Amino acid sequence: MEENLKKPKRKRKKTKIIAIVGIIVSIIIIISLLTLNSRPYLKVSQVSSKPSKYNNKEIQVIGIVQGFSGENFSLTEDEHSIFVDINGLSVPNEFEDGVQVVITGIFNSPSSILTASQILTQCSN
């Protein structure tokens, strides 16, 4: 009879351990997903001051459009700038010089070119 009492205790202990491990694994997965999806916007000055840090990485850069003539342009912040290759993307209607935008793309540090995969502008009021 004593042996029958030990079996349920072992089962309960095993179930608790499995539940705790499941919770820990779930927390780790949630944290890693949040980390992957929360890329902060970089300033143009951050990218231009340490270009090798971002070489061949997908980044999101916020800046002001300069020199837009329907195709490529420079993304600027004060005296800092990087060239943006829009790579055939269509640009939003309100896209013009002086507009603040966020460009997502792959940065090539030797040439200081950001090849855009996405262009975001502020919503007009």
PDB file of N, CA and C in Angstrom:
ATOM      1  N   MET A   1       0.813  -1.185   0.000  1.00  0.00           N
ATOM      2  CA  MET A   1       0.000   0.000   0.000  1.00  0.00           C
ATOM      3  C   MET A   1       0.867   1.263   0.000  1.00  0.00           C
ATOM      4  N   GLU A   2       1.941   1.218   0.695  1.00  0.00           N
ATOM      5  CA  GLU A   2       2.839   2.367   0.758  1.00  0.00           C
ATOM      6  C   GLU A   2       3.405   2.670  -0.625  1.00  0.00           C
ATOM      7  N   GLU A   3       3.642   1.640  -1.411  1.00  0.00           N
ATOM      8  CA  GLU A   3       4.172   1.809  -2.750  1.00  0.00           C
ATOM      9  C   GLU A   3       3.179   2.548  -3.652  1.00  0.00           C
ATOM     10  N   ASN A   4       1.880   2.293  -3.464  1.00  0.00           N
ATOM     11  CA  ASN A   4       0.842   2.979  -4.252  1.00  0.00           C
ATOM     12  C   ASN A   4       0.796   4.466  -3.951  1.00  0.00           C
ATOM     13  N   LEU A   5       1.116   4.876  -2.737  1.00  0.00           N
ATOM     14  CA  LEU A   5       1.129   6.288  -2.386  1.00  0.00           C
ATOM     15  C   LEU A   5       2.299   7.020  -3.025  1.00  0.00           C
ATOM     16  N   LYS A   6       3.408   6.344  -3.209  1.00  0.00           N
ATOM     17  CA  LYS A   6       4.593   6.971  -3.795  1.00  0.00           C
ATOM     18  C   LYS A   6       4.407   7.255  -5.281  1.00  0.00           C
ATOM     19  N   LYS A   7       3.688   6.396  -5.986  1.00  0.00           N
ATOM     20  CA  LYS A   7       3.517   6.578  -7.432  1.00  0.00           C
ATOM     21  C   LYS A   7       2.809   7.888  -7.766  1.00  0.00           C
ATOM     22  N   PRO A   8       1.660   8.221  -7.114  1.00  0.00           N
ATOM     23  CA  PRO A   8       1.018   9.500  -7.438  1.00  0.00           C
ATOM     24  C   PRO A   8       1.904  10.693  -7.120  1.00  0.00           C
ATOM     25  N   LYS A   9       2.699  10.632  -6.046  1.00  0.00           N
ATOM     26  CA  LYS A   9       3.604  11.744  -5.713  1.00  0.00           C
ATOM     27  C   LYS A   9       4.635  11.930  -6.822  1.00  0.00           C
ATOM     28  N   ARG A  10       5.154  10.833  -7.339  1.00  0.00           N
ATOM     29  CA  ARG A  10       6.141  10.916  -8.416  1.00  0.00           C
ATOM     30  C   ARG A  10       5.508  11.506  -9.667  1.00  0.00           C
ATOM     31  N   LYS A  11       4.272  11.076  -9.960  1.00  0.00           N
ATOM     32  CA  LYS A  11       3.584  11.606 -11.131  1.00  0.00           C
ATOM     33  C   LYS A  11       3.355  13.107 -10.987  1.00  0.00           C
ATOM     34  N   ARG A  12       2.928  13.537  -9.808  1.00  0.00           N
ATOM     35  CA  ARG A  12       2.689  14.965  -9.581  1.00  0.00           C
ATOM     36  C   ARG A  12       3.984  15.754  -9.707  1.00  0.00           C
ATOM     37  N   LYS A  13       5.054  15.211  -9.162  1.00  0.00           N
ATOM     38  CA  LYS A  13       6.347  15.901  -9.226  1.00  0.00           C
ATOM     39  C   LYS A  13       6.813  16.000 -10.682  1.00  0.00           C
ATOM     40  N   LYS A  14       6.635  14.925 -11.420  1.00  0.00           N
ATOM     41  CA  LYS A  14       7.029  14.907 -12.827  1.00  0.00           C
ATOM     42  C   LYS A  14       6.185  15.908 -13.628  1.00  0.00           C
ATOM     43  N   THR A  15       4.887  15.976 -13.350  1.00  0.00           N
ATOM     44  CA  THR A  15       3.999  16.912 -14.026  1.00  0.00           C
ATOM     45  C   THR A  15       4.392  18.351 -13.716  1.00  0.00           C
ATOM     46  N   LYS A  16       4.746  18.638 -12.465  1.00  0.00           N
ATOM     47  CA  LYS A  16       5.174  19.986 -12.090  1.00  0.00           C
ATOM     48  C   LYS A  16       6.457  20.369 -12.817  1.00  0.00           C
ATOM     49  N   ILE A  17       7.383  19.444 -12.892  1.00  0.00           N
ATOM     50  CA  ILE A  17       8.657  19.719 -13.578  1.00  0.00           C
ATOM     51  C   ILE A  17       8.407  20.005 -15.049  1.00  0.00           C
ATOM     52  N   ILE A  18       7.560  19.204 -15.685  1.00  0.00           N
ATOM     53  CA  ILE A  18       7.247  19.412 -17.098  1.00  0.00           C
ATOM     54  C   ILE A  18       6.573  20.775 -17.291  1.00  0.00           C
ATOM     55  N   ALA A  19       5.659  21.132 -16.402  1.00  0.00           N
ATOM     56  CA  ALA A  19       4.978  22.426 -16.496  1.00  0.00           C
ATOM     57  C   ALA A  19       5.959  23.580 -16.345  1.00  0.00           C
ATOM     58  N   ILE A  20       6.865  23.493 -15.403  1.00  0.00           N
ATOM     59  CA  ILE A  20       7.859  24.548 -15.171  1.00  0.00           C
ATOM     60  C   ILE A  20       8.781  24.691 -16.378  1.00  0.00           C
ATOM     61  N   VAL A  21       9.235  23.563 -16.909  1.00  0.00           N
ATOM     62  CA  VAL A  21      10.101  23.599 -18.096  1.00  0.00           C
ATOM     63  C   VAL A  21       9.344  24.214 -19.275  1.00  0.00           C
ATOM     64  N   GLY A  22       8.071  23.866 -19.432  1.00  0.00           N
ATOM     65  CA  GLY A  22       7.255  24.428 -20.505  1.00  0.00           C
ATOM     66  C   GLY A  22       7.112  25.931 -20.382  1.00  0.00           C
ATOM     67  N   ILE A  23       6.897  26.408 -19.170  1.00  0.00           N
ATOM     68  CA  ILE A  23       6.770  27.847 -18.939  1.00  0.00           C
ATOM     69  C   ILE A  23       8.080  28.557 -19.252  1.00  0.00           C
ATOM     70  N   ILE A  24       9.189  28.005 -18.811  1.00  0.00           N
ATOM     71  CA  ILE A  24      10.500  28.610 -19.066  1.00  0.00           C
ATOM     72  C   ILE A  24      10.780  28.671 -20.569  1.00  0.00           C
ATOM     73  N   VAL A  25      10.509  27.585 -21.269  1.00  0.00           N
ATOM     74  CA  VAL A  25      10.728  27.558 -22.715  1.00  0.00           C
ATOM     75  C   VAL A  25       9.836  28.595 -23.400  1.00  0.00           C
ATOM     76  N   SER A  26       8.593  28.714 -22.971  1.00  0.00           N
ATOM     77  CA  SER A  26       7.676  29.701 -23.548  1.00  0.00           C
ATOM     78  C   SER A  26       8.194  31.115 -23.341  1.00  0.00           C
ATOM     79  N   ILE A  27       8.690  31.419 -22.159  1.00  0.00           N
ATOM     80  CA  ILE A  27       9.233  32.749 -21.864  1.00  0.00           C
ATOM     81  C   ILE A  27      10.439  33.040 -22.748  1.00  0.00           C
ATOM     82  N   ILE A  28      11.309  32.068 -22.913  1.00  0.00           N
ATOM     83  CA  ILE A  28      12.495  32.256 -23.761  1.00  0.00           C
ATOM     84  C   ILE A  28      12.080  32.518 -25.203  1.00  0.00           C
ATOM     85  N   ILE A  29      11.109  31.787 -25.706  1.00  0.00           N
ATOM     86  CA  ILE A  29      10.639  31.987 -27.084  1.00  0.00           C
ATOM     87  C   ILE A  29      10.038  33.375 -27.241  1.00  0.00           C
ATOM     88  N   ILE A  30       9.219  33.808 -26.302  1.00  0.00           N
ATOM     89  CA  ILE A  30       8.593  35.136 -26.383  1.00  0.00           C
ATOM     90  C   ILE A  30       9.648  36.230 -26.370  1.00  0.00           C
ATOM     91  N   ILE A  31      10.616  36.127 -25.486  1.00  0.00           N
ATOM     92  CA  ILE A  31      11.675  37.146 -25.407  1.00  0.00           C
ATOM     93  C   ILE A  31      12.478  37.189 -26.704  1.00  0.00           C
ATOM     94  N   SER A  32      12.820  36.034 -27.258  1.00  0.00           N
ATOM     95  CA  SER A  32      13.611  36.027 -28.493  1.00  0.00           C
ATOM     96  C   SER A  32      12.815  36.593 -29.661  1.00  0.00           C
ATOM     97  N   LEU A  33      11.517  36.326 -29.739  1.00  0.00           N
ATOM     98  CA  LEU A  33      10.694  36.890 -30.803  1.00  0.00           C
ATOM     99  C   LEU A  33      10.574  38.409 -30.668  1.00  0.00           C
ATOM    100  N   LEU A  34      10.414  38.893 -29.464  1.00  0.00           N
ATOM    101  CA  LEU A  34      10.339  40.335 -29.253  1.00  0.00           C
ATOM    102  C   LEU A  34      11.645  41.014 -29.619  1.00  0.00           C
ATOM    103  N   THR A  35      12.755  40.384 -29.301  1.00  0.00           N
ATOM    104  CA  THR A  35      14.062  40.936 -29.623  1.00  0.00           C
ATOM    105  C   THR A  35      14.277  40.991 -31.126  1.00  0.00           C
ATOM    106  N   LEU A  36      13.880  39.955 -31.832  1.00  0.00           N
ATOM    107  CA  LEU A  36      14.069  39.920 -33.280  1.00  0.00           C
ATOM    108  C   LEU A  36      13.211  40.955 -33.993  1.00  0.00           C
ATOM    109  N   ASN A  37      12.008  41.171 -33.508  1.00  0.00           N
ATOM    110  CA  ASN A  37      11.095  42.068 -34.191  1.00  0.00           C
ATOM    111  C   ASN A  37      11.184  43.511 -33.737  1.00  0.00           C
ATOM    112  N   SER A  38      11.992  43.802 -32.772  1.00  0.00           N
ATOM    113  CA  SER A  38      12.072  45.181 -32.286  1.00  0.00           C
ATOM    114  C   SER A  38      13.418  45.798 -32.634  1.00  0.00           C
ATOM    115  N   ARG A  39      13.576  46.096 -33.904  1.00  0.00           N
ATOM    116  CA  ARG A  39      14.782  46.782 -34.351  1.00  0.00           C
ATOM    117  C   ARG A  39      14.554  48.272 -34.199  1.00  0.00           C
ATOM    118  N   PRO A  40      15.370  48.922 -33.423  1.00  0.00           N
ATOM    119  CA  PRO A  40      15.179  50.371 -33.276  1.00  0.00           C
ATOM    120  C   PRO A  40      15.622  51.104 -34.545  1.00  0.00           C
ATOM    121  N   TYR A  41      15.024  52.259 -34.781  1.00  0.00           N
ATOM    122  CA  TYR A  41      15.462  53.094 -35.890  1.00  0.00           C
ATOM    123  C   TYR A  41      16.833  53.651 -35.556  1.00  0.00           C
ATOM    124  N   LEU A  42      17.717  53.566 -36.524  1.00  0.00           N
ATOM    125  CA  LEU A  42      19.039  54.166 -36.379  1.00  0.00           C
ATOM    126  C   LEU A  42      19.011  55.548 -37.010  1.00  0.00           C
ATOM    127  N   LYS A  43      19.813  56.445 -36.467  1.00  0.00           N
ATOM    128  CA  LYS A  43      19.979  57.757 -37.077  1.00  0.00           C
ATOM    129  C   LYS A  43      21.051  57.651 -38.156  1.00  0.00           C
ATOM    130  N   VAL A  44      20.982  58.528 -39.134  1.00  0.00           N
ATOM    131  CA  VAL A  44      21.987  58.553 -40.201  1.00  0.00           C
ATOM    132  C   VAL A  44      23.377  58.726 -39.598  1.00  0.00           C
ATOM    133  N   SER A  45      23.500  59.571 -38.571  1.00  0.00           N
ATOM    134  CA  SER A  45      24.805  59.809 -37.944  1.00  0.00           C
ATOM    135  C   SER A  45      25.365  58.543 -37.291  1.00  0.00           C
ATOM    136  N   GLN A  46      24.491  57.703 -36.736  1.00  0.00           N
ATOM    137  CA  GLN A  46      24.958  56.444 -36.134  1.00  0.00           C
ATOM    138  C   GLN A  46      25.551  55.530 -37.195  1.00  0.00           C
ATOM    139  N   VAL A  47      24.887  55.454 -38.335  1.00  0.00           N
ATOM    140  CA  VAL A  47      25.353  54.569 -39.409  1.00  0.00           C
ATOM    141  C   VAL A  47      26.623  55.122 -40.045  1.00  0.00           C
ATOM    142  N   SER A  48      26.653  56.424 -40.306  1.00  0.00           N
ATOM    143  CA  SER A  48      27.827  56.997 -40.986  1.00  0.00           C
ATOM    144  C   SER A  48      29.055  57.077 -40.078  1.00  0.00           C
ATOM    145  N   SER A  49      28.852  57.116 -38.751  1.00  0.00           N
ATOM    146  CA  SER A  49      30.011  57.177 -37.856  1.00  0.00           C
ATOM    147  C   SER A  49      30.650  55.806 -37.617  1.00  0.00           C
ATOM    148  N   LYS A  50      29.890  54.737 -37.750  1.00  0.00           N
ATOM    149  CA  LYS A  50      30.427  53.375 -37.583  1.00  0.00           C
ATOM    150  C   LYS A  50      29.880  52.466 -38.681  1.00  0.00           C
ATOM    151  N   PRO A  51      30.209  52.761 -39.945  1.00  0.00           N
ATOM    152  CA  PRO A  51      29.607  52.012 -41.051  1.00  0.00           C
ATOM    153  C   PRO A  51      29.914  50.519 -41.045  1.00  0.00           C
ATOM    154  N   SER A  52      31.123  50.136 -40.633  1.00  0.00           N
ATOM    155  CA  SER A  52      31.480  48.701 -40.663  1.00  0.00           C
ATOM    156  C   SER A  52      30.625  47.882 -39.692  1.00  0.00           C
ATOM    157  N   LYS A  53      30.106  48.525 -38.646  1.00  0.00           N
ATOM    158  CA  LYS A  53      29.253  47.833 -37.683  1.00  0.00           C
ATOM    159  C   LYS A  53      27.965  47.326 -38.335  1.00  0.00           C
ATOM    160  N   TYR A  54      27.522  48.028 -39.395  1.00  0.00           N
ATOM    161  CA  TYR A  54      26.247  47.700 -40.045  1.00  0.00           C
ATOM    162  C   TYR A  54      26.417  47.054 -41.413  1.00  0.00           C
ATOM    163  N   ASN A  55      27.654  46.765 -41.804  1.00  0.00           N
ATOM    164  CA  ASN A  55      27.916  46.223 -43.135  1.00  0.00           C
ATOM    165  C   ASN A  55      27.167  44.914 -43.367  1.00  0.00           C
ATOM    166  N   ASN A  56      26.484  44.855 -44.509  1.00  0.00           N
ATOM    167  CA  ASN A  56      25.710  43.675 -44.929  1.00  0.00           C
ATOM    168  C   ASN A  56      24.638  43.259 -43.933  1.00  0.00           C
ATOM    169  N   LYS A  57      24.135  44.204 -43.147  1.00  0.00           N
ATOM    170  CA  LYS A  57      23.058  43.925 -42.199  1.00  0.00           C
ATOM    171  C   LYS A  57      21.811  44.684 -42.624  1.00  0.00           C
ATOM    172  N   GLU A  58      20.654  44.097 -42.305  1.00  0.00           N
ATOM    173  CA  GLU A  58      19.405  44.818 -42.547  1.00  0.00           C
ATOM    174  C   GLU A  58      19.200  45.780 -41.386  1.00  0.00           C
ATOM    175  N   ILE A  59      19.019  47.043 -41.738  1.00  0.00           N
ATOM    176  CA  ILE A  59      18.843  48.082 -40.725  1.00  0.00           C
ATOM    177  C   ILE A  59      17.663  48.971 -41.097  1.00  0.00           C
ATOM    178  N   GLN A  60      17.188  49.729 -40.116  1.00  0.00           N
ATOM    179  CA  GLN A  60      16.147  50.732 -40.331  1.00  0.00           C
ATOM    180  C   GLN A  60      16.742  52.080 -39.957  1.00  0.00           C
ATOM    181  N   VAL A  61      16.780  52.985 -40.924  1.00  0.00           N
ATOM    182  CA  VAL A  61      17.422  54.278 -40.708  1.00  0.00           C
ATOM    183  C   VAL A  61      16.391  55.385 -40.917  1.00  0.00           C
ATOM    184  N   ILE A  62      16.375  56.335 -39.971  1.00  0.00           N
ATOM    185  CA  ILE A  62      15.470  57.478 -40.072  1.00  0.00           C
ATOM    186  C   ILE A  62      16.279  58.706 -40.467  1.00  0.00           C
ATOM    187  N   GLY A  63      15.737  59.470 -41.410  1.00  0.00           N
ATOM    188  CA  GLY A  63      16.434  60.667 -41.857  1.00  0.00           C
ATOM    189  C   GLY A  63      15.565  61.487 -42.795  1.00  0.00           C
ATOM    190  N   ILE A  64      16.167  62.531 -43.356  1.00  0.00           N
ATOM    191  CA  ILE A  64      15.485  63.473 -44.245  1.00  0.00           C
ATOM    192  C   ILE A  64      15.912  63.198 -45.692  1.00  0.00           C
ATOM    193  N   VAL A  65      14.947  63.157 -46.589  1.00  0.00           N
ATOM    194  CA  VAL A  65      15.208  62.921 -48.010  1.00  0.00           C
ATOM    195  C   VAL A  65      15.845  64.168 -48.632  1.00  0.00           C
ATOM    196  N   GLN A  66      16.937  63.977 -49.372  1.00  0.00           N
ATOM    197  CA  GLN A  66      17.601  65.058 -50.119  1.00  0.00           C
ATOM    198  C   GLN A  66      18.005  64.525 -51.488  1.00  0.00           C
ATOM    199  N   GLY A  67      17.793  65.334 -52.517  1.00  0.00           N
ATOM    200  CA  GLY A  67      18.246  64.984 -53.865  1.00  0.00           C
ATOM    201  C   GLY A  67      17.370  63.965 -54.567  1.00  0.00           C
ATOM    202  N   PHE A  68      16.100  63.880 -54.193  1.00  0.00           N
ATOM    203  CA  PHE A  68      15.206  62.913 -54.829  1.00  0.00           C
ATOM    204  C   PHE A  68      14.727  63.454 -56.167  1.00  0.00           C
ATOM    205  N   SER A  69      14.944  62.654 -57.206  1.00  0.00           N
ATOM    206  CA  SER A  69      14.517  63.071 -58.551  1.00  0.00           C
ATOM    207  C   SER A  69      13.711  61.957 -59.220  1.00  0.00           C
ATOM    208  N   GLY A  70      13.022  61.176 -58.409  1.00  0.00           N
ATOM    209  CA  GLY A  70      12.233  60.079 -58.965  1.00  0.00           C
ATOM    210  C   GLY A  70      12.893  58.724 -58.801  1.00  0.00           C
ATOM    211  N   GLU A  71      14.178  58.738 -58.474  1.00  0.00           N
ATOM    212  CA  GLU A  71      14.881  57.467 -58.275  1.00  0.00           C
ATOM    213  C   GLU A  71      15.610  57.479 -56.939  1.00  0.00           C
ATOM    214  N   ASN A  72      16.920  57.340 -56.961  1.00  0.00           N
ATOM    215  CA  ASN A  72      17.704  57.260 -55.731  1.00  0.00           C
ATOM    216  C   ASN A  72      17.864  58.634 -55.099  1.00  0.00           C
ATOM    217  N   PHE A  73      18.336  58.653 -53.855  1.00  0.00           N
ATOM    218  CA  PHE A  73      18.463  59.918 -53.128  1.00  0.00           C
ATOM    219  C   PHE A  73      19.423  59.733 -51.964  1.00  0.00           C
ATOM    220  N   SER A  74      19.681  60.807 -51.242  1.00  0.00           N
ATOM    221  CA  SER A  74      20.473  60.749 -50.020  1.00  0.00           C
ATOM    222  C   SER A  74      19.536  60.863 -48.826  1.00  0.00           C
ATOM    223  N   LEU A  75      19.860  60.132 -47.783  1.00  0.00           N
ATOM    224  CA  LEU A  75      19.150  60.233 -46.515  1.00  0.00           C
ATOM    225  C   LEU A  75      20.077  61.014 -45.604  1.00  0.00           C
ATOM    226  N   THR A  76      19.602  62.122 -45.050  1.00  0.00           N
ATOM    227  CA  THR A  76      20.486  63.024 -44.319  1.00  0.00           C
ATOM    228  C   THR A  76      20.021  63.273 -42.891  1.00  0.00           C
ATOM    229  N   GLU A  77      20.996  63.688 -42.092  1.00  0.00           N
ATOM    230  CA  GLU A  77      20.767  64.167 -40.727  1.00  0.00           C
ATOM    231  C   GLU A  77      21.899  65.162 -40.458  1.00  0.00           C
ATOM    232  N   ASP A  78      21.556  66.422 -40.383  1.00  0.00           N
ATOM    233  CA  ASP A  78      22.556  67.485 -40.247  1.00  0.00           C
ATOM    234  C   ASP A  78      23.593  67.344 -41.356  1.00  0.00           C
ATOM    235  N   GLU A  79      24.876  67.189 -41.013  1.00  0.00           N
ATOM    236  CA  GLU A  79      25.915  67.082 -42.052  1.00  0.00           C
ATOM    237  C   GLU A  79      26.174  65.631 -42.477  1.00  0.00           C
ATOM    238  N   HIS A  80      25.504  64.687 -41.871  1.00  0.00           N
ATOM    239  CA  HIS A  80      25.687  63.263 -42.194  1.00  0.00           C
ATOM    240  C   HIS A  80      24.719  62.831 -43.292  1.00  0.00           C
ATOM    241  N   SER A  81      25.194  61.943 -44.183  1.00  0.00           N
ATOM    242  CA  SER A  81      24.292  61.421 -45.203  1.00  0.00           C
ATOM    243  C   SER A  81      24.741  60.041 -45.657  1.00  0.00           C
ATOM    244  N   ILE A  82      23.781  59.261 -46.121  1.00  0.00           N
ATOM    245  CA  ILE A  82      24.065  57.978 -46.773  1.00  0.00           C
ATOM    246  C   ILE A  82      23.210  57.922 -48.036  1.00  0.00           C
ATOM    247  N   PHE A  83      23.734  57.265 -49.047  1.00  0.00           N
ATOM    248  CA  PHE A  83      23.033  57.139 -50.320  1.00  0.00           C
ATOM    249  C   PHE A  83      22.036  55.993 -50.226  1.00  0.00           C
ATOM    250  N   VAL A  84      20.830  56.195 -50.765  1.00  0.00           N
ATOM    251  CA  VAL A  84      19.801  55.163 -50.745  1.00  0.00           C
ATOM    252  C   VAL A  84      19.479  54.751 -52.175  1.00  0.00           C
ATOM    253  N   ASP A  85      19.630  53.472 -52.452  1.00  0.00           N
ATOM    254  CA  ASP A  85      19.247  52.875 -53.734  1.00  0.00           C
ATOM    255  C   ASP A  85      17.857  52.287 -53.525  1.00  0.00           C
ATOM    256  N   ILE A  86      16.843  52.877 -54.180  1.00  0.00           N
ATOM    257  CA  ILE A  86      15.484  52.399 -53.933  1.00  0.00           C
ATOM    258  C   ILE A  86      15.183  51.089 -54.655  1.00  0.00           C
ATOM    259  N   ASN A  87      16.113  50.640 -55.480  1.00  0.00           N
ATOM    260  CA  ASN A  87      16.050  49.277 -55.998  1.00  0.00           C
ATOM    261  C   ASN A  87      14.709  48.963 -56.666  1.00  0.00           C
ATOM    262  N   GLY A  88      14.147  49.938 -57.397  1.00  0.00           N
ATOM    263  CA  GLY A  88      12.902  49.701 -58.118  1.00  0.00           C
ATOM    264  C   GLY A  88      11.635  49.786 -57.274  1.00  0.00           C
ATOM    265  N   LEU A  89      11.746  50.141 -56.003  1.00  0.00           N
ATOM    266  CA  LEU A  89      10.559  50.274 -55.153  1.00  0.00           C
ATOM    267  C   LEU A  89       9.727  51.467 -55.592  1.00  0.00           C
ATOM    268  N   SER A  90       8.424  51.343 -55.439  1.00  0.00           N
ATOM    269  CA  SER A  90       7.594  52.522 -55.681  1.00  0.00           C
ATOM    270  C   SER A  90       7.593  53.350 -54.402  1.00  0.00           C
ATOM    271  N   VAL A  91       7.622  54.650 -54.576  1.00  0.00           N
ATOM    272  CA  VAL A  91       7.688  55.539 -53.413  1.00  0.00           C
ATOM    273  C   VAL A  91       6.299  56.092 -53.104  1.00  0.00           C
ATOM    274  N   PRO A  92       6.033  56.392 -51.831  1.00  0.00           N
ATOM    275  CA  PRO A  92       4.737  56.963 -51.465  1.00  0.00           C
ATOM    276  C   PRO A  92       4.506  58.307 -52.145  1.00  0.00           C
ATOM    277  N   ASN A  93       3.234  58.702 -52.317  1.00  0.00           N
ATOM    278  CA  ASN A  93       2.876  59.956 -52.994  1.00  0.00           C
ATOM    279  C   ASN A  93       3.504  61.182 -52.351  1.00  0.00           C
ATOM    280  N   GLU A  94       3.555  61.209 -51.027  1.00  0.00           N
ATOM    281  CA  GLU A  94       4.068  62.387 -50.319  1.00  0.00           C
ATOM    282  C   GLU A  94       5.595  62.407 -50.212  1.00  0.00           C
ATOM    283  N   PHE A  95       6.262  61.601 -51.014  1.00  0.00           N
ATOM    284  CA  PHE A  95       7.715  61.466 -50.970  1.00  0.00           C
ATOM    285  C   PHE A  95       8.361  62.586 -51.774  1.00  0.00           C
ATOM    286  N   GLU A  96       9.162  63.410 -51.095  1.00  0.00           N
ATOM    287  CA  GLU A  96       9.866  64.509 -51.752  1.00  0.00           C
ATOM    288  C   GLU A  96      11.000  64.982 -50.847  1.00  0.00           C
ATOM    289  N   ASP A  97      11.850  65.846 -51.377  1.00  0.00           N
ATOM    290  CA  ASP A  97      12.932  66.403 -50.570  1.00  0.00           C
ATOM    291  C   ASP A  97      12.373  67.056 -49.309  1.00  0.00           C
ATOM    292  N   GLY A  98      13.093  66.892 -48.210  1.00  0.00           N
ATOM    293  CA  GLY A  98      12.714  67.512 -46.955  1.00  0.00           C
ATOM    294  C   GLY A  98      11.782  66.675 -46.093  1.00  0.00           C
ATOM    295  N   VAL A  99      11.293  65.551 -46.605  1.00  0.00           N
ATOM    296  CA  VAL A  99      10.377  64.696 -45.855  1.00  0.00           C
ATOM    297  C   VAL A  99      11.183  63.720 -44.992  1.00  0.00           C
ATOM    298  N   GLN A 100      10.725  63.527 -43.754  1.00  0.00           N
ATOM    299  CA  GLN A 100      11.375  62.546 -42.886  1.00  0.00           C
ATOM    300  C   GLN A 100      10.824  61.159 -43.214  1.00  0.00           C
ATOM    301  N   VAL A 101      11.730  60.199 -43.408  1.00  0.00           N
ATOM    302  CA  VAL A 101      11.343  58.835 -43.764  1.00  0.00           C
ATOM    303  C   VAL A 101      12.147  57.823 -42.955  1.00  0.00           C
ATOM    304  N   VAL A 102      11.659  56.590 -42.955  1.00  0.00           N
ATOM    305  CA  VAL A 102      12.407  55.464 -42.408  1.00  0.00           C
ATOM    306  C   VAL A 102      12.642  54.506 -43.565  1.00  0.00           C
ATOM    307  N   ILE A 103      13.893  54.179 -43.783  1.00  0.00           N
ATOM    308  CA  ILE A 103      14.263  53.255 -44.850  1.00  0.00           C
ATOM    309  C   ILE A 103      14.760  51.958 -44.212  1.00  0.00           C
ATOM    310  N   THR A 104      14.183  50.846 -44.632  1.00  0.00           N
ATOM    311  CA  THR A 104      14.666  49.529 -44.227  1.00  0.00           C
ATOM    312  C   THR A 104      15.419  48.945 -45.409  1.00  0.00           C
ATOM    313  N   GLY A 105      16.592  48.403 -45.149  1.00  0.00           N
ATOM    314  CA  GLY A 105      17.363  47.817 -46.240  1.00  0.00           C
ATOM    315  C   GLY A 105      18.687  47.256 -45.763  1.00  0.00           C
ATOM    316  N   ILE A 106      19.450  46.763 -46.720  1.00  0.00           N
ATOM    317  CA  ILE A 106      20.774  46.196 -46.453  1.00  0.00           C
ATOM    318  C   ILE A 106      21.815  47.280 -46.707  1.00  0.00           C
ATOM    319  N   PHE A 107      22.681  47.485 -45.727  1.00  0.00           N
ATOM    320  CA  PHE A 107      23.702  48.534 -45.832  1.00  0.00           C
ATOM    321  C   PHE A 107      25.023  47.942 -46.292  1.00  0.00           C
ATOM    322  N   ASN A 108      25.634  48.603 -47.267  1.00  0.00           N
ATOM    323  CA  ASN A 108      26.953  48.222 -47.763  1.00  0.00           C
ATOM    324  C   ASN A 108      27.924  49.306 -47.331  1.00  0.00           C
ATOM    325  N   SER A 109      28.767  49.007 -46.325  1.00  0.00           N
ATOM    326  CA  SER A 109      29.616  50.057 -45.753  1.00  0.00           C
ATOM    327  C   SER A 109      30.729  50.548 -46.681  1.00  0.00           C
ATOM    328  N   PRO A 110      31.382  49.687 -47.497  1.00  0.00           N
ATOM    329  CA  PRO A 110      32.444  50.242 -48.343  1.00  0.00           C
ATOM    330  C   PRO A 110      31.943  51.339 -49.294  1.00  0.00           C
ATOM    331  N   SER A 111      30.722  51.170 -49.819  1.00  0.00           N
ATOM    332  CA  SER A 111      30.188  52.175 -50.739  1.00  0.00           C
ATOM    333  C   SER A 111      29.231  53.142 -50.057  1.00  0.00           C
ATOM    334  N   SER A 112      28.909  52.890 -48.783  1.00  0.00           N
ATOM    335  CA  SER A 112      27.967  53.703 -48.002  1.00  0.00           C
ATOM    336  C   SER A 112      26.609  53.808 -48.698  1.00  0.00           C
ATOM    337  N   ILE A 113      26.130  52.649 -49.209  1.00  0.00           N
ATOM    338  CA  ILE A 113      24.836  52.594 -49.897  1.00  0.00           C
ATOM    339  C   ILE A 113      23.887  51.710 -49.107  1.00  0.00           C
ATOM    340  N   LEU A 114      22.690  52.228 -48.889  1.00  0.00           N
ATOM    341  CA  LEU A 114      21.620  51.468 -48.265  1.00  0.00           C
ATOM    342  C   LEU A 114      20.665  51.054 -49.378  1.00  0.00           C
ATOM    343  N   THR A 115      20.590  49.748 -49.649  1.00  0.00           N
ATOM    344  CA  THR A 115      19.684  49.237 -50.679  1.00  0.00           C
ATOM    345  C   THR A 115      18.337  48.986 -50.024  1.00  0.00           C
ATOM    346  N   ALA A 116      17.357  49.814 -50.374  1.00  0.00           N
ATOM    347  CA  ALA A 116      16.059  49.821 -49.699  1.00  0.00           C
ATOM    348  C   ALA A 116      15.207  48.613 -50.054  1.00  0.00           C
ATOM    349  N   SER A 117      14.531  48.087 -49.034  1.00  0.00           N
ATOM    350  CA  SER A 117      13.520  47.052 -49.247  1.00  0.00           C
ATOM    351  C   SER A 117      12.147  47.568 -48.808  1.00  0.00           C
ATOM    352  N   GLN A 118      12.138  48.683 -48.051  1.00  0.00           N
ATOM    353  CA  GLN A 118      10.889  49.283 -47.592  1.00  0.00           C
ATOM    354  C   GLN A 118      11.116  50.762 -47.307  1.00  0.00           C
ATOM    355  N   ILE A 119      10.110  51.567 -47.661  1.00  0.00           N
ATOM    356  CA  ILE A 119      10.160  53.017 -47.411  1.00  0.00           C
ATOM    357  C   ILE A 119       8.898  53.395 -46.641  1.00  0.00           C
ATOM    358  N   LEU A 120       9.089  54.031 -45.487  1.00  0.00           N
ATOM    359  CA  LEU A 120       7.969  54.470 -44.662  1.00  0.00           C
ATOM    360  C   LEU A 120       8.013  55.984 -44.509  1.00  0.00           C
ATOM    361  N   THR A 121       6.878  56.629 -44.688  1.00  0.00           N
ATOM    362  CA  THR A 121       6.769  58.061 -44.452  1.00  0.00           C
ATOM    363  C   THR A 121       5.754  58.298 -43.348  1.00  0.00           C
ATOM    364  N   GLN A 122       5.790  59.482 -42.777  1.00  0.00           N
ATOM    365  CA  GLN A 122       4.792  59.851 -41.774  1.00  0.00           C
ATOM    366  C   GLN A 122       3.449  60.020 -42.465  1.00  0.00           C
ATOM    367  N   CYS A 123       2.394  59.647 -41.769  1.00  0.00           N
ATOM    368  CA  CYS A 123       1.048  59.861 -42.296  1.00  0.00           C
ATOM    369  C   CYS A 123       0.759  61.352 -42.319  1.00  0.00           C
ATOM    370  N   SER A 124       0.173  61.829 -43.411  1.00  0.00           N
ATOM    371  CA  SER A 124      -0.166  63.247 -43.459  1.00  0.00           C
ATOM    372  C   SER A 124      -1.466  63.484 -42.715  1.00  0.00           C
ATOM    373  N   ASN A 125      -1.558  64.642 -42.078  1.00  0.00           N
ATOM    374  CA  ASN A 125      -2.745  64.972 -41.293  1.00  0.00           C
ATOM    375  C   ASN A 125      -3.817  65.603 -42.135  1.00  0.00           C
TER     376      ASN A 125
END
